[in-house]
Each structure stands twice: as structure tokens, then as C-alpha cells.
Amino acid sequence: MVQDLAIGDIVNVYSSAIGGDLIGTETVKIEGDLTVKIDQIGEKAGNVYVSVTSKTLLESDRTSAVRYAAEVKSIPLDPTKIIVTNNAAGTADTVMVKKLAVGDIVKVYSSATAGFVIGTATVTVEGDLTVNITQL
């Protein structure tokens, strides 16, 4: 949010102090504060640089770095709340996760890092969720 702006001011948000990409822009319609919406700034913490162009004037210099926080990550699952069943060939294997909330998304990966998603499901009813996987 940028504060104390005049009607017609144009606010630009850049990815770096010099050059970089224009990642957001908005024009002030009501005097006061303005929020510039950016589709996705990134998962990690970083900085943006902001300028303003007022009526009949050139664009201002960019601000010094304006820090933003990293996106908040979900808390890792407790392994004691996960039950994996490796069924015989021809029967889907299952991964059950206990005590989840509506809207939680569970992804099962083929390895701890750089693996493939081999199963996914979204919780529609609070409680336990089972992800079916063709074969582990």
C-alpha cells in the first residue's frame, strides 16, 4: 500500500532498483492510499522498488528497497498421523492422513526431494483423508 496520493497519480512497482521488470501498476482514482495488486511476487522474501508519476511530471526515482516477507508455509505433517498401506498388485495402495481440516490439500511424493507427485487429494469433510495411488 502506498499512502498520501493524489487523484491521477500512477504508482509503479519494480522488481529491482535499476532496470528489472515492472511487476505492478495502478492509477489513483480516489485521493489517499492505494494498494497495487501483483499476481504473484514470489514465494521467498525479497524487495520491491516503487515510483510515482504525478500529473504533468516525470516519473520519480524508485524508492530504496521495500522488503516483503516470504509466503507462509504449512506446518509439516506429523508422521504418526500417516498410515501407508501397500496392497498387492492390482489393488490401489493408500496413504491415510488423520485429523485434517476442510480445504487442506495432501500431496504424496515419490521421494523426499525433487520427486514426482504420485497422489493428491483435497479434504472436503474435516477428519481423515485417504489418497489412493495405483501402486507404490
N, C-alpha and C. Protein backbone atom coordinates (compact mmCIF):
# COMPACT_ATOMS: atom_id res chain seq x y z
N MET A 1 0.84 -1.16 0.00
CA MET A 1 0.00 0.00 0.00
C MET A 1 0.90 1.24 0.00
N VAL A 2 0.53 2.20 -0.82
CA VAL A 2 1.23 3.47 -0.89
C VAL A 2 0.27 4.54 -0.36
N GLN A 3 0.76 5.42 0.49
CA GLN A 3 -0.10 6.38 1.18
C GLN A 3 0.04 7.79 0.61
N ASP A 4 -0.99 8.60 0.89
CA ASP A 4 -1.00 10.04 0.60
C ASP A 4 -0.80 10.36 -0.87
N LEU A 5 -1.61 9.80 -1.71
CA LEU A 5 -1.51 10.03 -3.15
C LEU A 5 -2.65 10.93 -3.64
N ALA A 6 -2.43 11.55 -4.79
CA ALA A 6 -3.43 12.42 -5.40
C ALA A 6 -4.12 11.70 -6.55
N ILE A 7 -5.32 12.09 -6.85
CA ILE A 7 -6.06 11.51 -7.97
C ILE A 7 -5.21 11.68 -9.23
N GLY A 8 -5.10 10.60 -10.01
CA GLY A 8 -4.34 10.62 -11.25
C GLY A 8 -2.89 10.18 -11.11
N ASP A 9 -2.36 10.11 -9.88
CA ASP A 9 -1.00 9.61 -9.70
C ASP A 9 -0.93 8.17 -10.21
N ILE A 10 0.19 7.82 -10.81
CA ILE A 10 0.42 6.45 -11.28
C ILE A 10 1.54 5.86 -10.46
N VAL A 11 1.27 4.73 -9.81
CA VAL A 11 2.26 4.06 -8.98
C VAL A 11 2.76 2.83 -9.73
N ASN A 12 4.08 2.72 -9.84
CA ASN A 12 4.70 1.56 -10.49
C ASN A 12 5.52 0.80 -9.46
N VAL A 13 5.48 -0.53 -9.53
CA VAL A 13 6.26 -1.39 -8.66
C VAL A 13 7.19 -2.21 -9.55
N TYR A 14 8.50 -2.16 -9.20
CA TYR A 14 9.53 -2.83 -10.00
C TYR A 14 10.21 -3.93 -9.20
N SER A 15 10.80 -4.86 -9.93
CA SER A 15 11.50 -5.99 -9.31
C SER A 15 12.93 -5.65 -8.88
N SER A 16 13.49 -4.53 -9.37
CA SER A 16 14.84 -4.15 -8.97
C SER A 16 14.99 -2.62 -8.99
N ALA A 17 16.04 -2.15 -8.37
CA ALA A 17 16.26 -0.71 -8.24
C ALA A 17 16.55 -0.04 -9.58
N ILE A 18 17.24 -0.75 -10.45
CA ILE A 18 17.57 -0.24 -11.79
C ILE A 18 17.21 -1.33 -12.79
N GLY A 19 16.52 -0.98 -13.84
CA GLY A 19 16.09 -1.97 -14.82
C GLY A 19 15.03 -2.86 -14.20
N GLY A 20 15.16 -4.14 -14.38
CA GLY A 20 14.19 -5.07 -13.80
C GLY A 20 12.85 -5.02 -14.52
N ASP A 21 11.89 -5.73 -13.96
CA ASP A 21 10.57 -5.82 -14.56
C ASP A 21 9.58 -4.94 -13.82
N LEU A 22 8.65 -4.37 -14.57
CA LEU A 22 7.50 -3.68 -13.98
C LEU A 22 6.54 -4.79 -13.58
N ILE A 23 6.32 -4.99 -12.28
CA ILE A 23 5.51 -6.11 -11.82
C ILE A 23 4.11 -5.69 -11.35
N GLY A 24 3.88 -4.38 -11.28
CA GLY A 24 2.56 -3.91 -10.91
C GLY A 24 2.43 -2.42 -11.15
N THR A 25 1.24 -1.99 -11.53
CA THR A 25 0.98 -0.57 -11.73
C THR A 25 -0.50 -0.29 -11.46
N GLU A 26 -0.77 0.84 -10.86
CA GLU A 26 -2.15 1.26 -10.58
C GLU A 26 -2.23 2.77 -10.70
N THR A 27 -3.40 3.27 -11.08
CA THR A 27 -3.66 4.70 -11.13
C THR A 27 -4.61 5.07 -10.00
N VAL A 28 -4.31 6.15 -9.30
CA VAL A 28 -5.11 6.59 -8.16
C VAL A 28 -6.43 7.18 -8.66
N LYS A 29 -7.54 6.64 -8.14
CA LYS A 29 -8.87 7.12 -8.52
C LYS A 29 -9.51 7.95 -7.41
N ILE A 30 -9.08 7.69 -6.17
CA ILE A 30 -9.59 8.41 -5.00
C ILE A 30 -8.38 8.86 -4.18
N GLU A 31 -8.32 10.14 -3.86
CA GLU A 31 -7.19 10.68 -3.11
C GLU A 31 -6.97 9.90 -1.81
N GLY A 32 -5.71 9.61 -1.50
CA GLY A 32 -5.38 8.89 -0.27
C GLY A 32 -4.43 7.75 -0.51
N ASP A 33 -4.82 6.58 -0.04
CA ASP A 33 -3.96 5.40 -0.11
C ASP A 33 -4.33 4.53 -1.31
N LEU A 34 -3.35 3.79 -1.80
CA LEU A 34 -3.56 2.91 -2.95
C LEU A 34 -2.83 1.59 -2.74
N THR A 35 -3.50 0.50 -3.03
CA THR A 35 -2.88 -0.82 -2.99
C THR A 35 -2.66 -1.27 -4.43
N VAL A 36 -1.43 -1.64 -4.75
CA VAL A 36 -1.09 -2.15 -6.07
C VAL A 36 -1.16 -3.67 -5.99
N LYS A 37 -2.00 -4.27 -6.82
CA LYS A 37 -2.15 -5.72 -6.82
C LYS A 37 -1.15 -6.33 -7.79
N ILE A 38 -0.45 -7.37 -7.31
CA ILE A 38 0.55 -8.07 -8.11
C ILE A 38 0.15 -9.53 -8.13
N ASP A 39 0.06 -10.13 -9.34
CA ASP A 39 -0.39 -11.52 -9.46
C ASP A 39 0.37 -12.46 -8.53
N GLN A 40 1.68 -12.48 -8.62
CA GLN A 40 2.49 -13.35 -7.75
C GLN A 40 3.88 -12.76 -7.66
N ILE A 41 4.24 -12.33 -6.47
CA ILE A 41 5.53 -11.67 -6.28
C ILE A 41 6.65 -12.68 -6.03
N GLY A 42 6.29 -13.89 -5.60
CA GLY A 42 7.26 -14.94 -5.33
C GLY A 42 7.06 -15.54 -3.95
N GLU A 43 7.53 -16.74 -3.77
CA GLU A 43 7.36 -17.44 -2.50
C GLU A 43 8.35 -16.98 -1.44
N LYS A 44 9.54 -16.60 -1.85
CA LYS A 44 10.59 -16.23 -0.91
C LYS A 44 10.53 -14.74 -0.60
N ALA A 45 11.13 -14.34 0.52
CA ALA A 45 11.20 -12.92 0.88
C ALA A 45 12.04 -12.18 -0.15
N GLY A 46 11.81 -10.90 -0.26
CA GLY A 46 12.57 -10.12 -1.21
C GLY A 46 12.30 -8.64 -1.06
N ASN A 47 12.58 -7.89 -2.12
CA ASN A 47 12.40 -6.45 -2.13
C ASN A 47 11.69 -6.02 -3.41
N VAL A 48 10.96 -4.92 -3.31
CA VAL A 48 10.41 -4.25 -4.48
C VAL A 48 10.84 -2.79 -4.41
N TYR A 49 10.66 -2.09 -5.51
CA TYR A 49 11.06 -0.69 -5.63
C TYR A 49 9.90 0.05 -6.28
N VAL A 50 9.50 1.18 -5.70
CA VAL A 50 8.27 1.84 -6.09
C VAL A 50 8.56 3.25 -6.58
N SER A 51 7.83 3.66 -7.63
CA SER A 51 7.92 5.03 -8.14
C SER A 51 6.51 5.58 -8.30
N VAL A 52 6.43 6.91 -8.45
CA VAL A 52 5.14 7.55 -8.70
C VAL A 52 5.32 8.57 -9.82
N THR A 53 4.29 8.67 -10.64
CA THR A 53 4.26 9.70 -11.68
C THR A 53 3.03 10.54 -11.42
N SER A 54 3.24 11.81 -11.08
CA SER A 54 2.14 12.73 -10.82
C SER A 54 1.82 13.49 -12.11
N LYS A 55 0.62 14.04 -12.18
CA LYS A 55 0.18 14.77 -13.37
C LYS A 55 1.22 15.80 -13.80
N THR A 56 1.49 15.85 -15.07
CA THR A 56 2.40 16.78 -15.73
C THR A 56 3.86 16.66 -15.30
N LEU A 57 4.20 15.66 -14.51
CA LEU A 57 5.57 15.48 -14.05
C LEU A 57 6.15 14.16 -14.57
N LEU A 58 7.46 14.06 -14.57
CA LEU A 58 8.13 12.82 -14.94
C LEU A 58 8.05 11.82 -13.80
N GLU A 59 8.31 10.57 -14.10
CA GLU A 59 8.32 9.52 -13.08
C GLU A 59 9.41 9.80 -12.05
N SER A 60 9.08 9.58 -10.77
CA SER A 60 10.05 9.79 -9.69
C SER A 60 11.14 8.72 -9.76
N ASP A 61 12.21 8.95 -8.99
CA ASP A 61 13.19 7.89 -8.78
C ASP A 61 12.50 6.78 -8.01
N ARG A 62 13.04 5.60 -8.12
CA ARG A 62 12.49 4.47 -7.36
C ARG A 62 12.91 4.58 -5.90
N THR A 63 12.08 4.07 -5.04
CA THR A 63 12.40 4.06 -3.61
C THR A 63 13.61 3.17 -3.36
N SER A 64 14.17 3.28 -2.17
CA SER A 64 15.14 2.28 -1.75
C SER A 64 14.35 0.98 -1.56
N ALA A 65 15.02 -0.09 -1.28
CA ALA A 65 14.37 -1.41 -1.18
C ALA A 65 13.23 -1.39 -0.16
N VAL A 66 12.09 -1.89 -0.59
CA VAL A 66 10.94 -2.09 0.30
C VAL A 66 10.80 -3.59 0.47
N ARG A 67 11.07 -4.07 1.67
CA ARG A 67 11.13 -5.52 1.97
C ARG A 67 9.73 -6.11 2.08
N TYR A 68 9.58 -7.33 1.60
CA TYR A 68 8.36 -8.10 1.83
C TYR A 68 8.75 -9.47 2.37
N ALA A 69 7.86 -10.05 3.15
CA ALA A 69 8.11 -11.34 3.81
C ALA A 69 7.83 -12.50 2.86
N ALA A 70 8.41 -13.63 3.17
CA ALA A 70 8.15 -14.86 2.42
C ALA A 70 6.72 -15.31 2.67
N GLU A 71 6.18 -16.05 1.71
CA GLU A 71 4.85 -16.63 1.91
C GLU A 71 4.92 -17.64 3.05
N VAL A 72 3.87 -17.71 3.80
CA VAL A 72 3.82 -18.62 4.95
C VAL A 72 3.61 -20.04 4.44
N LYS A 73 4.40 -20.97 4.97
CA LYS A 73 4.28 -22.38 4.59
C LYS A 73 3.41 -23.11 5.59
N SER A 74 2.79 -24.16 5.13
CA SER A 74 2.02 -25.03 6.01
C SER A 74 2.96 -25.75 6.97
N ILE A 75 2.44 -26.11 8.11
CA ILE A 75 3.22 -26.86 9.10
C ILE A 75 3.35 -28.30 8.60
N PRO A 76 4.55 -28.87 8.64
CA PRO A 76 4.72 -30.25 8.17
C PRO A 76 3.82 -31.21 8.96
N LEU A 77 3.39 -32.25 8.27
CA LEU A 77 2.55 -33.27 8.91
C LEU A 77 3.34 -34.05 9.95
N ASP A 78 2.63 -34.52 10.95
CA ASP A 78 3.20 -35.38 11.97
C ASP A 78 3.18 -36.81 11.41
N PRO A 79 4.35 -37.44 11.22
CA PRO A 79 4.40 -38.79 10.64
C PRO A 79 3.55 -39.82 11.39
N THR A 80 3.30 -39.58 12.68
CA THR A 80 2.48 -40.54 13.43
C THR A 80 1.01 -40.46 13.04
N LYS A 81 0.63 -39.46 12.25
CA LYS A 81 -0.76 -39.32 11.79
C LYS A 81 -0.94 -39.80 10.35
N ILE A 82 0.07 -40.52 9.85
CA ILE A 82 0.02 -41.02 8.48
C ILE A 82 0.13 -42.53 8.49
N ILE A 83 -0.80 -43.19 7.78
CA ILE A 83 -0.79 -44.65 7.67
C ILE A 83 -0.72 -45.01 6.19
N VAL A 84 0.33 -45.76 5.81
CA VAL A 84 0.52 -46.17 4.43
C VAL A 84 0.21 -47.66 4.33
N THR A 85 -0.62 -48.01 3.36
CA THR A 85 -0.96 -49.41 3.13
C THR A 85 -0.49 -49.78 1.72
N ASN A 86 0.44 -50.75 1.66
CA ASN A 86 0.98 -51.22 0.39
C ASN A 86 0.26 -52.52 0.04
N ASN A 87 -0.76 -52.41 -0.80
CA ASN A 87 -1.58 -53.56 -1.17
C ASN A 87 -0.93 -54.37 -2.28
N ALA A 88 -1.44 -55.58 -2.48
CA ALA A 88 -0.95 -56.46 -3.55
C ALA A 88 -1.22 -55.83 -4.90
N ALA A 89 -0.43 -56.24 -5.89
CA ALA A 89 -0.60 -55.74 -7.25
C ALA A 89 -2.05 -55.89 -7.68
N GLY A 90 -2.56 -54.87 -8.37
CA GLY A 90 -3.95 -54.90 -8.82
C GLY A 90 -4.89 -54.16 -7.89
N THR A 91 -4.45 -53.86 -6.67
CA THR A 91 -5.25 -53.10 -5.71
C THR A 91 -4.50 -51.81 -5.39
N ALA A 92 -5.20 -50.68 -5.46
CA ALA A 92 -4.56 -49.39 -5.20
C ALA A 92 -3.98 -49.36 -3.79
N ASP A 93 -2.80 -48.76 -3.66
CA ASP A 93 -2.20 -48.52 -2.36
C ASP A 93 -2.85 -47.27 -1.78
N THR A 94 -2.76 -47.09 -0.48
CA THR A 94 -3.40 -45.93 0.15
C THR A 94 -2.45 -45.24 1.12
N VAL A 95 -2.64 -43.95 1.23
CA VAL A 95 -1.95 -43.14 2.23
C VAL A 95 -3.06 -42.39 2.96
N MET A 96 -3.25 -42.72 4.24
CA MET A 96 -4.28 -42.06 5.03
C MET A 96 -3.61 -41.06 5.97
N VAL A 97 -4.14 -39.85 6.00
CA VAL A 97 -3.64 -38.81 6.90
C VAL A 97 -4.79 -38.44 7.83
N LYS A 98 -4.50 -38.45 9.13
CA LYS A 98 -5.53 -38.22 10.14
C LYS A 98 -5.62 -36.74 10.55
N LYS A 99 -6.83 -36.36 10.98
CA LYS A 99 -7.11 -35.06 11.60
C LYS A 99 -6.74 -33.87 10.73
N LEU A 100 -7.39 -33.78 9.58
CA LEU A 100 -7.17 -32.66 8.67
C LEU A 100 -8.39 -31.74 8.66
N ALA A 101 -8.20 -30.52 8.18
CA ALA A 101 -9.27 -29.54 8.09
C ALA A 101 -9.78 -29.44 6.66
N VAL A 102 -11.02 -29.03 6.50
CA VAL A 102 -11.61 -28.83 5.18
C VAL A 102 -10.74 -27.86 4.39
N GLY A 103 -10.44 -28.21 3.15
CA GLY A 103 -9.62 -27.36 2.29
C GLY A 103 -8.15 -27.73 2.28
N ASP A 104 -7.69 -28.54 3.26
CA ASP A 104 -6.30 -28.99 3.23
C ASP A 104 -6.07 -29.81 1.97
N ILE A 105 -4.90 -29.68 1.39
CA ILE A 105 -4.52 -30.45 0.21
C ILE A 105 -3.35 -31.34 0.58
N VAL A 106 -3.48 -32.63 0.36
CA VAL A 106 -2.41 -33.58 0.66
C VAL A 106 -1.80 -34.04 -0.65
N LYS A 107 -0.47 -33.96 -0.72
CA LYS A 107 0.26 -34.46 -1.88
C LYS A 107 1.22 -35.54 -1.40
N VAL A 108 1.28 -36.64 -2.14
CA VAL A 108 2.20 -37.73 -1.84
C VAL A 108 3.26 -37.72 -2.94
N TYR A 109 4.53 -37.69 -2.50
CA TYR A 109 5.65 -37.61 -3.44
C TYR A 109 6.40 -38.92 -3.54
N SER A 110 7.10 -39.10 -4.66
CA SER A 110 7.89 -40.32 -4.89
C SER A 110 9.21 -40.30 -4.13
N SER A 111 9.67 -39.15 -3.69
CA SER A 111 10.89 -39.06 -2.89
C SER A 111 10.86 -37.78 -2.04
N ALA A 112 11.78 -37.68 -1.10
CA ALA A 112 11.80 -36.56 -0.16
C ALA A 112 12.10 -35.23 -0.84
N THR A 113 12.97 -35.24 -1.84
CA THR A 113 13.28 -34.02 -2.58
C THR A 113 13.30 -34.32 -4.07
N ALA A 114 12.86 -33.37 -4.86
CA ALA A 114 12.86 -33.46 -6.32
C ALA A 114 12.08 -34.66 -6.84
N GLY A 115 11.13 -35.16 -6.08
CA GLY A 115 10.32 -36.28 -6.53
C GLY A 115 9.11 -35.83 -7.31
N PHE A 116 8.34 -36.79 -7.78
CA PHE A 116 7.12 -36.53 -8.52
C PHE A 116 5.92 -36.68 -7.59
N VAL A 117 4.87 -35.93 -7.86
CA VAL A 117 3.62 -36.10 -7.13
C VAL A 117 2.97 -37.37 -7.67
N ILE A 118 2.76 -38.36 -6.79
CA ILE A 118 2.16 -39.63 -7.22
C ILE A 118 0.73 -39.78 -6.74
N GLY A 119 0.29 -38.84 -5.92
CA GLY A 119 -1.09 -38.85 -5.46
C GLY A 119 -1.42 -37.52 -4.80
N THR A 120 -2.66 -37.07 -4.96
CA THR A 120 -3.09 -35.83 -4.33
C THR A 120 -4.59 -35.90 -4.05
N ALA A 121 -5.00 -35.22 -2.98
CA ALA A 121 -6.42 -35.17 -2.65
C ALA A 121 -6.67 -33.94 -1.78
N THR A 122 -7.91 -33.44 -1.83
CA THR A 122 -8.31 -32.28 -1.05
C THR A 122 -9.37 -32.70 -0.05
N VAL A 123 -9.23 -32.23 1.18
CA VAL A 123 -10.16 -32.57 2.25
C VAL A 123 -11.48 -31.82 2.02
N THR A 124 -12.58 -32.56 1.96
CA THR A 124 -13.91 -31.95 1.81
C THR A 124 -14.72 -32.04 3.09
N VAL A 125 -14.33 -32.98 3.97
CA VAL A 125 -15.00 -33.14 5.27
C VAL A 125 -13.90 -33.24 6.33
N GLU A 126 -14.00 -32.46 7.38
CA GLU A 126 -12.98 -32.47 8.43
C GLU A 126 -12.77 -33.88 8.97
N GLY A 127 -11.49 -34.23 9.16
CA GLY A 127 -11.16 -35.56 9.70
C GLY A 127 -10.04 -36.21 8.92
N ASP A 128 -10.21 -37.49 8.65
CA ASP A 128 -9.18 -38.28 7.98
C ASP A 128 -9.38 -38.23 6.47
N LEU A 129 -8.27 -38.36 5.74
CA LEU A 129 -8.30 -38.33 4.27
C LEU A 129 -7.45 -39.48 3.75
N THR A 130 -7.96 -40.18 2.75
CA THR A 130 -7.21 -41.26 2.10
C THR A 130 -6.89 -40.87 0.68
N VAL A 131 -5.60 -40.99 0.34
CA VAL A 131 -5.13 -40.76 -1.03
C VAL A 131 -4.87 -42.12 -1.64
N ASN A 132 -5.53 -42.39 -2.77
CA ASN A 132 -5.33 -43.66 -3.48
C ASN A 132 -4.22 -43.49 -4.52
N ILE A 133 -3.32 -44.48 -4.55
CA ILE A 133 -2.21 -44.46 -5.50
C ILE A 133 -2.20 -45.80 -6.21
N THR A 134 -2.07 -45.78 -7.53
CA THR A 134 -2.12 -47.01 -8.31
C THR A 134 -1.26 -48.09 -7.69
N GLN A 135 0.01 -47.85 -7.52
CA GLN A 135 0.93 -48.77 -6.84
C GLN A 135 2.15 -47.97 -6.39
N LEU A 136 2.55 -48.18 -5.16
CA LEU A 136 3.75 -47.51 -4.66
C LEU A 136 4.97 -48.17 -5.25
